[in-house]
Protein backbone atom coordinates (compact mmCIF):
# COMPACT_ATOMS: atom_id res chain seq x y z
CA MET A 1 -142.82 124.34 61.87
CA ARG A 2 -144.07 126.16 58.73
CA LYS A 3 -141.72 128.91 57.62
CA GLU A 4 -143.34 132.35 57.48
CA PRO A 5 -142.97 133.82 53.98
CA ASP A 6 -141.10 137.10 53.92
CA MET A 7 -142.12 140.24 52.07
CA GLU A 8 -139.32 140.03 49.51
CA ALA A 9 -140.23 136.44 48.57
CA ASN A 10 -143.87 137.43 47.99
CA SER A 11 -142.92 140.46 45.91
CA THR A 12 -140.53 138.33 43.86
CA TYR A 13 -143.22 135.73 43.22
CA PHE A 14 -145.70 138.45 42.27
CA ILE A 15 -143.23 139.61 39.61
CA LYS A 16 -142.68 136.01 38.43
CA LEU A 17 -146.42 135.58 37.92
CA LEU A 18 -146.53 138.71 35.76
CA SER A 19 -143.51 137.52 33.79
CA ALA A 20 -145.18 134.15 33.20
CA PHE A 21 -148.27 135.98 31.92
CA LEU A 22 -146.24 138.17 29.57
CA HIS A 23 -144.28 135.28 28.07
CA ARG A 24 -147.13 132.73 28.15
CA HIS A 25 -145.09 130.45 30.40
CA ASP A 26 -146.36 128.08 33.04
CA PRO A 27 -145.85 129.73 36.43
CA LEU A 28 -143.28 128.41 38.85
CA GLN A 29 -144.73 126.26 41.60
CA GLU A 30 -144.10 127.74 45.05
CA ASN A 31 -145.36 126.60 48.44
CA GLU A 32 -144.27 129.28 50.91
CA ILE A 33 -146.30 132.18 49.53
CA ASP A 34 -148.45 134.67 51.40
CA TRP A 35 -151.25 134.90 48.84
CA GLU A 36 -152.97 137.71 50.70
CA ARG A 37 -149.91 139.88 50.09
CA VAL A 38 -149.62 138.79 46.46
CA TYR A 39 -153.30 139.58 45.93
CA ARG A 40 -152.90 143.01 47.53
CA LEU A 41 -149.95 143.79 45.25
CA GLY A 42 -152.03 142.80 42.23
CA ASN A 43 -154.87 144.96 43.45
CA ILE A 44 -152.93 148.17 44.12
CA HIS A 45 -151.07 147.83 40.80
CA PHE A 46 -154.25 147.08 38.81
CA VAL A 47 -152.91 143.77 37.49
CA SER A 48 -154.98 141.35 39.57
CA GLY A 49 -156.66 140.02 36.41
CA MET A 50 -153.24 138.98 35.07
CA ILE A 51 -152.36 137.39 38.42
CA PHE A 52 -155.56 135.30 38.40
CA PHE A 53 -155.03 134.30 34.76
CA THR A 54 -151.61 132.90 35.71
CA ALA A 55 -152.33 131.59 39.22
CA ARG A 56 -155.24 129.46 38.07
CA GLY A 57 -152.71 127.33 36.16
CA LEU A 58 -150.92 126.31 39.36
CA ARG A 59 -151.22 122.80 40.75
CA GLU A 60 -153.89 122.24 43.39
CA GLY A 61 -151.52 122.41 46.34
CA ASN A 62 -149.84 125.59 45.11
CA ARG A 63 -152.90 127.65 44.22
CA PRO A 64 -154.13 130.53 46.36
CA PRO A 65 -156.62 129.63 49.12
CA GLY A 66 -160.21 129.41 47.92
CA HIS A 67 -161.37 132.74 49.35
CA ILE A 68 -158.46 134.62 47.76
CA LEU A 69 -158.86 132.80 44.44
CA HIS A 70 -162.52 133.82 44.50
CA ARG A 71 -161.59 137.49 44.94
CA MET A 72 -159.04 137.19 42.15
CA LYS A 73 -161.69 135.67 39.89
CA GLN A 74 -164.07 138.54 40.66
CA ASP A 75 -161.35 141.06 39.77
CA PHE A 76 -160.64 139.11 36.59
CA ALA A 77 -164.31 139.21 35.58
CA SER A 78 -164.67 142.92 36.37
CA THR A 79 -161.49 143.66 34.40
CA LEU A 80 -162.91 141.88 31.35
CA ALA A 81 -166.25 143.66 31.70
CA ARG A 82 -164.62 147.08 32.03
CA SER A 83 -162.32 146.37 29.09
CA ALA A 84 -165.27 145.33 26.90
CA ALA A 85 -167.14 148.54 27.76
CA GLN A 86 -164.06 150.67 27.05
CA GLU A 87 -163.37 148.95 23.75
CA GLU A 88 -166.98 149.25 22.59
CA GLU A 89 -167.12 152.98 23.37
CA MET A 90 -163.69 153.70 21.92
CA ASP A 91 -164.49 151.79 18.73
CA GLY A 92 -167.51 154.08 18.38
CA VAL A 93 -165.39 157.19 19.00
CA ILE A 94 -162.82 156.10 16.41
CA ARG A 95 -165.53 155.32 13.87
CA GLU A 96 -167.18 158.73 14.28
CA PHE A 97 -163.87 160.62 14.31
CA CYS A 98 -162.97 158.93 11.03
CA LYS A 99 -166.34 159.86 9.52
CA ALA A 100 -165.78 163.46 10.62
CA GLU A 101 -162.21 163.34 9.27
CA ILE A 102 -160.66 164.26 12.63
CA PRO A 103 -157.08 162.93 12.97
CA HIS A 104 -156.55 161.20 16.33
CA LEU A 105 -153.50 159.46 17.74
CA LEU A 106 -153.92 156.66 20.29
CA LEU A 107 -151.83 156.91 23.45
CA LYS A 108 -150.77 154.96 26.54
CA GLY A 109 -152.80 151.90 27.54
CA PHE A 110 -155.15 151.74 24.57
CA ALA A 111 -152.21 152.03 22.17
CA ILE A 112 -150.11 149.24 23.70
CA ARG A 113 -152.71 146.80 25.06
CA GLY A 114 -152.32 144.73 21.89
CA CYS A 115 -148.76 143.89 22.98
CA TYR A 116 -150.12 141.76 25.82
CA PRO A 117 -151.08 138.07 25.44
CA VAL A 118 -154.63 138.94 26.58
CA LYS A 119 -155.14 142.59 25.71
CA GLU A 120 -158.33 142.82 27.78
CA LEU A 121 -156.31 142.35 30.98
CA ARG A 122 -154.25 145.51 30.48
CA THR A 123 -156.35 147.82 32.68
CA MET A 124 -156.90 151.53 32.01
CA GLY A 125 -158.45 154.21 34.16
CA ASP A 126 -158.84 156.56 31.19
CA ILE A 127 -158.48 156.17 27.44
CA ASP A 128 -156.06 158.78 26.11
CA PHE A 129 -155.69 160.12 22.61
CA LEU A 130 -154.14 163.13 20.92
CA ILE A 131 -155.91 165.54 18.58
CA LYS A 132 -154.78 168.67 16.75
CA ARG A 133 -155.63 171.91 18.52
CA GLU A 134 -157.62 173.18 15.55
CA ASP A 135 -159.94 170.16 15.90
CA ARG A 136 -160.76 170.90 19.53
CA ALA A 137 -164.26 172.37 18.97
CA LYS A 138 -165.17 169.77 16.37
CA SER A 139 -164.12 166.84 18.58
CA HIS A 140 -165.90 168.34 21.59
CA GLY A 141 -169.20 168.53 19.72
CA LEU A 142 -168.81 165.01 18.38
CA LEU A 143 -168.13 163.50 21.82
CA LEU A 144 -171.16 165.28 23.29
CA ALA A 145 -173.27 163.91 20.43
CA LEU A 146 -172.01 160.41 21.30
CA GLY A 147 -173.35 160.80 24.84
CA PHE A 148 -170.17 161.75 26.67
CA LYS A 149 -170.35 164.41 29.36
CA ALA A 150 -167.60 166.99 29.48
CA GLY A 151 -165.60 167.18 32.69
CA PRO A 152 -163.05 169.76 33.78
CA ALA A 153 -160.39 170.98 31.40
CA ASN A 154 -156.82 170.96 32.65
CA GLY A 155 -154.45 172.90 30.44
CA ASN A 156 -154.25 171.01 27.15
CA VAL A 157 -156.27 168.03 28.44
CA TRP A 158 -160.06 167.65 28.33
CA HIS A 159 -161.95 165.00 30.29
CA TYR A 160 -165.10 163.18 29.20
CA ALA A 161 -167.15 160.41 30.79
CA LYS A 162 -169.95 158.11 29.68
CA GLY A 163 -171.03 155.62 32.31
CA LYS A 164 -167.84 154.01 33.59
CA VAL A 165 -165.80 154.91 30.50
CA SER A 166 -163.53 157.95 30.79
CA LEU A 167 -161.60 159.71 28.04
CA GLU A 168 -158.70 162.13 28.18
CA VAL A 169 -158.35 164.16 25.00
CA HIS A 170 -154.97 165.88 24.59
CA SER A 171 -153.85 168.61 22.22
CA GLU A 172 -150.27 168.37 23.56
CA LEU A 173 -148.43 165.39 25.03
CA PHE A 174 -147.06 167.36 27.98
CA SER A 175 -148.46 170.39 29.78
CA ASP A 176 -145.68 170.56 32.38
CA ASN A 177 -141.98 169.83 32.27
CA ILE A 178 -140.70 166.94 34.35
CA ASN A 179 -137.94 169.03 35.90
CA ASN A 180 -135.84 172.11 35.18
CA ARG A 181 -133.21 170.29 33.10
CA PHE A 182 -134.93 170.18 29.71
CA ASP A 183 -137.87 171.59 27.74
CA TYR A 184 -139.93 168.40 27.39
CA ILE A 185 -143.03 170.37 26.38
CA GLY A 186 -141.22 171.89 23.43
CA TYR A 187 -139.57 168.61 22.42
CA PHE A 188 -142.89 166.77 22.17
CA SER A 189 -144.76 169.64 20.51
CA GLY A 190 -143.79 168.06 17.18
CA ALA A 191 -145.37 164.70 18.00
CA TRP A 192 -147.46 164.56 14.81
CA GLU A 193 -144.26 164.46 12.74
CA HIS A 194 -143.66 160.97 14.18
CA ALA A 195 -147.18 159.64 13.60
CA VAL A 196 -148.08 156.82 11.23
CA ARG A 197 -151.53 156.68 9.65
CA GLU A 198 -153.59 153.51 10.16
CA PRO A 199 -155.52 151.99 7.21
CA ASN A 200 -158.78 153.74 8.17
CA GLY A 201 -157.21 157.06 7.26
CA PHE A 202 -157.60 159.19 10.40
CA THR A 203 -156.36 157.00 13.26
CA TYR A 204 -152.64 157.31 13.97
CA MET A 205 -149.99 155.55 16.03
CA PHE A 206 -146.46 156.65 16.81
CA LYS A 207 -143.49 155.18 14.98
CA PRO A 208 -142.09 152.43 17.27
CA ALA A 209 -138.88 154.19 18.36
CA TYR A 210 -140.68 157.47 19.09
CA HIS A 211 -143.45 155.58 20.87
CA LEU A 212 -140.93 153.88 23.16
CA LEU A 213 -139.31 157.25 23.81
CA TYR A 214 -142.68 158.74 24.75
CA LEU A 215 -143.48 155.82 27.08
CA LEU A 216 -140.15 156.33 28.86
CA VAL A 217 -140.61 160.09 29.25
CA HIS A 218 -144.20 159.62 30.39
CA MET A 219 -142.94 157.16 33.00
CA ALA A 220 -140.24 159.61 34.09
CA LYS A 221 -142.96 162.23 34.57
CA HIS A 222 -144.94 159.92 36.86
CA PHE A 223 -141.81 158.73 38.66
CA HIS A 224 -140.80 162.32 39.32
CA GLY A 225 -144.32 163.13 40.50
CA HIS A 226 -145.90 160.73 42.98
CA GLY A 227 -144.35 157.59 41.53
CA CYS A 228 -145.10 154.79 39.10
CA GLY A 229 -146.02 151.18 39.65
CA ILE A 230 -144.98 147.93 38.06
CA ARG A 231 -147.55 148.21 35.26
CA MET A 232 -145.52 150.95 33.54
CA ILE A 233 -142.39 148.77 33.68
CA LEU A 234 -144.42 145.86 32.32
CA ASP A 235 -145.68 148.10 29.50
CA ILE A 236 -142.10 148.81 28.43
CA ALA A 237 -141.21 145.10 28.52
CA ALA A 238 -144.33 144.15 26.55
CA TYR A 239 -143.80 146.87 23.96
CA VAL A 240 -140.10 146.10 23.42
CA LYS A 241 -140.93 142.40 23.11
CA GLN A 242 -143.47 143.22 20.39
CA VAL A 243 -141.48 145.70 18.29
CA GLU A 244 -137.80 145.06 19.15
CA GLU A 245 -136.81 144.14 15.58
CA THR A 246 -138.03 147.50 14.25
CA LEU A 247 -136.41 149.73 16.88
CA ASP A 248 -133.59 152.09 15.94
CA TRP A 249 -131.59 151.88 19.16
CA ALA A 250 -128.91 154.32 18.04
CA TRP A 251 -131.59 156.98 17.48
CA ILE A 252 -133.28 156.16 20.80
CA GLU A 253 -130.02 156.46 22.74
CA GLY A 254 -129.19 159.75 21.03
CA GLU A 255 -132.60 161.23 21.85
CA LEU A 256 -132.42 160.05 25.46
CA LYS A 257 -129.11 161.88 25.83
CA LYS A 258 -130.76 165.07 24.54
CA LEU A 259 -133.61 164.55 27.00
CA ARG A 260 -131.11 163.90 29.82
CA LEU A 261 -132.82 160.61 30.58
CA SER A 262 -130.11 158.10 29.57
CA VAL A 263 -129.47 156.89 33.12
CA PHE A 264 -133.18 156.71 33.91
CA ALA A 265 -133.90 154.68 30.75
CA SER A 266 -130.96 152.37 31.41
CA ASN A 267 -132.29 151.69 34.91
CA VAL A 268 -135.79 151.03 33.56
CA PHE A 269 -134.40 148.59 30.99
CA GLY A 270 -132.38 147.00 33.80
CA LEU A 271 -135.60 146.37 35.73
CA CYS A 272 -137.22 144.99 32.57
CA ARG A 273 -134.34 142.53 32.25
CA ARG A 274 -134.34 141.42 35.89
CA TRP A 275 -138.10 141.20 36.24
CA PHE A 276 -139.29 140.10 32.80
CA GLY A 277 -136.22 138.87 30.94
CA THR A 278 -136.42 141.68 28.36
CA LEU A 279 -133.02 142.34 26.79
CA THR A 280 -132.10 145.66 25.18
CA PRO A 281 -128.79 147.27 24.14
CA MET A 282 -129.25 149.75 27.00
CA HIS A 283 -130.05 147.60 30.01
CA GLY A 284 -126.44 147.32 31.16
CA HIS A 285 -125.23 150.89 30.67
CA SER A 286 -125.52 151.61 34.39
CA GLU A 287 -125.96 148.34 36.25
CA MET A 288 -127.64 148.85 39.63
CA GLU A 289 -125.90 147.80 42.78
CA GLU A 290 -127.92 145.20 44.66
CA THR A 291 -128.80 147.54 47.53
CA VAL A 292 -129.99 150.18 45.04
CA TYR A 293 -131.98 147.57 43.13
CA LYS A 294 -133.77 146.48 46.31
CA GLU A 295 -134.46 150.07 47.35
CA ILE A 296 -135.93 151.04 43.98
CA SER A 297 -137.91 147.79 43.71
CA ASP A 298 -139.48 148.42 47.11
CA TYR A 299 -140.24 152.02 46.16
CA ILE A 300 -142.04 150.94 42.98
CA LEU A 301 -143.90 147.98 44.48
CA SER A 302 -144.99 149.59 47.74
CA ALA A 303 -147.17 152.44 46.50
CA GLY A 304 -149.33 151.09 43.68
CA THR A 305 -149.96 152.07 40.06
CA PHE A 306 -149.32 155.80 40.37
CA GLY A 307 -147.49 155.97 43.70
CA PHE A 308 -150.42 157.06 45.87
CA TYR A 309 -150.92 153.95 48.00
CA ARG A 310 -149.99 154.73 51.62
CA ARG A 311 -147.53 157.39 50.56
CA ASN A 312 -147.42 160.90 52.01
CA LYS A 313 -148.60 163.01 49.07
CA TYR A 314 -147.20 166.21 50.55
CA ALA A 315 -143.64 164.97 50.03
CA SER A 316 -143.98 165.54 46.29
CA ILE A 317 -145.20 169.10 46.95
CA ARG A 318 -142.03 169.74 48.95
CA ARG A 319 -139.89 168.27 46.18
CA LYS A 320 -141.55 170.18 43.34
CA PHE A 321 -141.29 173.36 45.39
CA ASN A 322 -137.56 172.77 45.89
CA ASP A 323 -137.17 172.14 42.14
CA GLY A 324 -138.14 175.74 41.59
CA HIS A 325 -135.44 176.96 43.98
CA ARG A 326 -132.41 175.19 42.53
CA GLY A 327 -129.55 176.67 40.61
CA GLY A 328 -127.81 178.50 43.44
CA GLN A 329 -130.90 180.05 44.92
CA LYS A 330 -131.35 180.13 48.65
CA LYS A 331 -133.22 177.15 50.03
CA PRO A 332 -136.81 178.16 50.81
CA ALA A 333 -137.95 178.46 54.39
CA ALA A 334 -140.03 175.64 55.84
CA GLY A 335 -143.04 177.95 56.11
CA SER A 336 -143.07 178.32 52.33
CA TYR A 337 -144.26 174.72 52.00
CA TYR A 338 -147.34 175.51 54.06
CA SER A 339 -147.97 178.72 52.14
CA LYS A 340 -147.73 176.90 48.81
CA PHE A 341 -150.19 174.24 49.93
CA PHE A 342 -152.84 176.49 51.46
CA PHE A 343 -152.43 179.41 49.05
CA PRO A 344 -151.51 178.07 45.58
CA SER A 345 -150.35 180.58 43.00
CA TYR A 346 -152.49 181.91 40.16
CA ARG A 347 -150.55 179.74 37.70
CA THR A 348 -151.09 176.58 39.75
CA LEU A 349 -154.80 177.24 40.13
CA SER A 350 -155.39 178.19 36.50
CA ASN A 351 -153.80 174.93 35.33
CA SER A 352 -156.08 172.88 37.60
CA GLY A 353 -159.43 171.79 36.23
CA ALA A 354 -161.28 172.39 39.49
CA TYR A 355 -160.16 176.02 39.67
CA ALA A 356 -160.05 176.89 35.98
CA PHE A 357 -162.52 179.73 36.63
CA VAL A 358 -159.55 181.90 37.69
CA ARG A 359 -157.98 181.64 34.24
CA ASN A 360 -157.52 185.18 32.90
CA ARG A 361 -159.16 186.41 36.12
CA PRO A 362 -156.33 186.66 38.68
CA TYR A 363 -158.55 188.76 40.94
CA LEU A 364 -160.53 185.55 41.69
CA VAL A 365 -157.55 183.81 43.30
CA PRO A 366 -158.72 184.59 46.89
CA VAL A 367 -162.15 183.15 46.00
CA ALA A 368 -160.42 179.99 44.74
CA TRP A 369 -158.52 179.68 48.03
CA ILE A 370 -161.80 179.78 49.99
CA TYR A 371 -163.46 177.34 47.60
CA ARG A 372 -160.47 175.01 47.85
CA PHE A 373 -160.64 175.03 51.63
CA ALA A 374 -164.36 174.17 51.58
CA ARG A 375 -163.94 171.54 48.88
CA ASN A 376 -160.98 169.69 50.32
CA LEU A 377 -161.16 170.06 54.07
CA ILE A 378 -164.76 170.30 55.21
CA PRO A 379 -166.29 167.28 53.36
CA ARG A 380 -163.38 165.06 54.37
CA ARG A 381 -163.52 166.10 58.01
CA ARG A 382 -159.81 166.85 57.98
CA SER A 383 -158.79 169.77 60.13
CA PRO A 384 -156.14 172.27 59.04
CA VAL A 385 -154.09 171.09 62.02
CA ARG A 386 -154.16 167.51 60.69
CA ILE A 387 -153.10 168.75 57.27
CA LEU A 388 -150.25 170.73 58.81
CA LEU A 389 -149.08 167.67 60.73
CA ASP A 390 -149.15 165.59 57.56
CA ILE A 391 -147.09 168.19 55.72
CA ALA A 392 -144.63 168.39 58.60
CA GLY A 393 -144.35 164.60 58.60
CA SER A 394 -143.59 164.53 54.89
CA LYS A 395 -139.92 165.44 55.39
CA ARG A 396 -138.76 161.84 55.82
CA GLU A 397 -140.67 160.71 52.72
CA TYR A 398 -139.34 163.74 50.84
CA ASN A 399 -135.75 162.70 51.66
CA ARG A 400 -136.47 159.12 50.59
CA GLN A 401 -138.03 160.23 47.31
CA ALA A 402 -135.16 162.58 46.55
CA ASP A 403 -132.68 159.76 47.17
CA VAL A 404 -134.55 157.28 44.94
CA LEU A 405 -134.99 159.83 42.16
CA SER A 406 -131.29 160.61 42.23
CA LYS A 407 -130.41 156.92 41.98
CA MET A 408 -132.89 156.46 39.12
CA GLY A 409 -131.28 159.28 37.16
CA LEU A 410 -133.92 161.95 37.74
């Protein structure tokens, strides 16, 4: 009788396929694999192109079934097409920014895609880059002239779209602190001091050690929010593999201590070692117990790239609300969660792109509440009662998230 593959075996093989892609190794040959589950993991983590690239090298008897391989191939082709469109548009943006003498610093996916064996398979929803605040108006006019349409502004981030290509233009690396333990906004306000000019004169990249630090803090932000998927861990492994000989680990460790993220970073490097064979001086500083490793692995793998897949989003609202009531303050009443969701504060609304019209107009907050109700509830046919039930049901997920964050060092 054929043995039914278990979830852990499929998740483990999914990781092995990504590791084989990263290191350009032939994938291990496995028979007892539920390829539907492996495909779904690739899909929700936006790495299905990498999975196809590796899986197609398997022997005939070990490959995914034809119908799944076909879906993988379609994802692979669409990933390449999207990447080509993004690269073409971004090359144009960089060229025009250089002509206009606007300094710009590449961030996140577009900055590290070159660390991958096939850079086109490192997917991106948006292309992010940093500008100086004084260049805001100049860059806005240039992007409009290039055919981009301006979307909502959100604090120090401006959104643009042209066809299927989306840009996020930042004047600061962080608009919100991760938690109440450190001023991350202030720390990264000096980002340009760690920038290195590219040969074209106006494109910049971070110095390797600072770049790695930023990637870790950016991951911590997502992890503390809704969550982060395996792609962010893979990014760290790929980046360290590319630049490890130039990294000043003593400086990195010292800065992580300042940022109060030493344990978090050590755990991330531990996952990089176990999943992708990436060795760093920090991966063993706080070795995970096996039960903790399995719990955190499941947490990362189960909810997709940014932690939204089948996860109760209201749990993070509870957690962020509690963050504001720490330090000896009385624990907020349960009803406060509902109040915060249905009636967000002026500060929350003014920092949200959809409700930016209240900025400097606090008297419009009640109007924003009504607009929010119409925008979020009516079109989606979700009753307030259903929303209330979802919020009430978030307590278990809230407890789970709080436990995982604590174990991760957040």
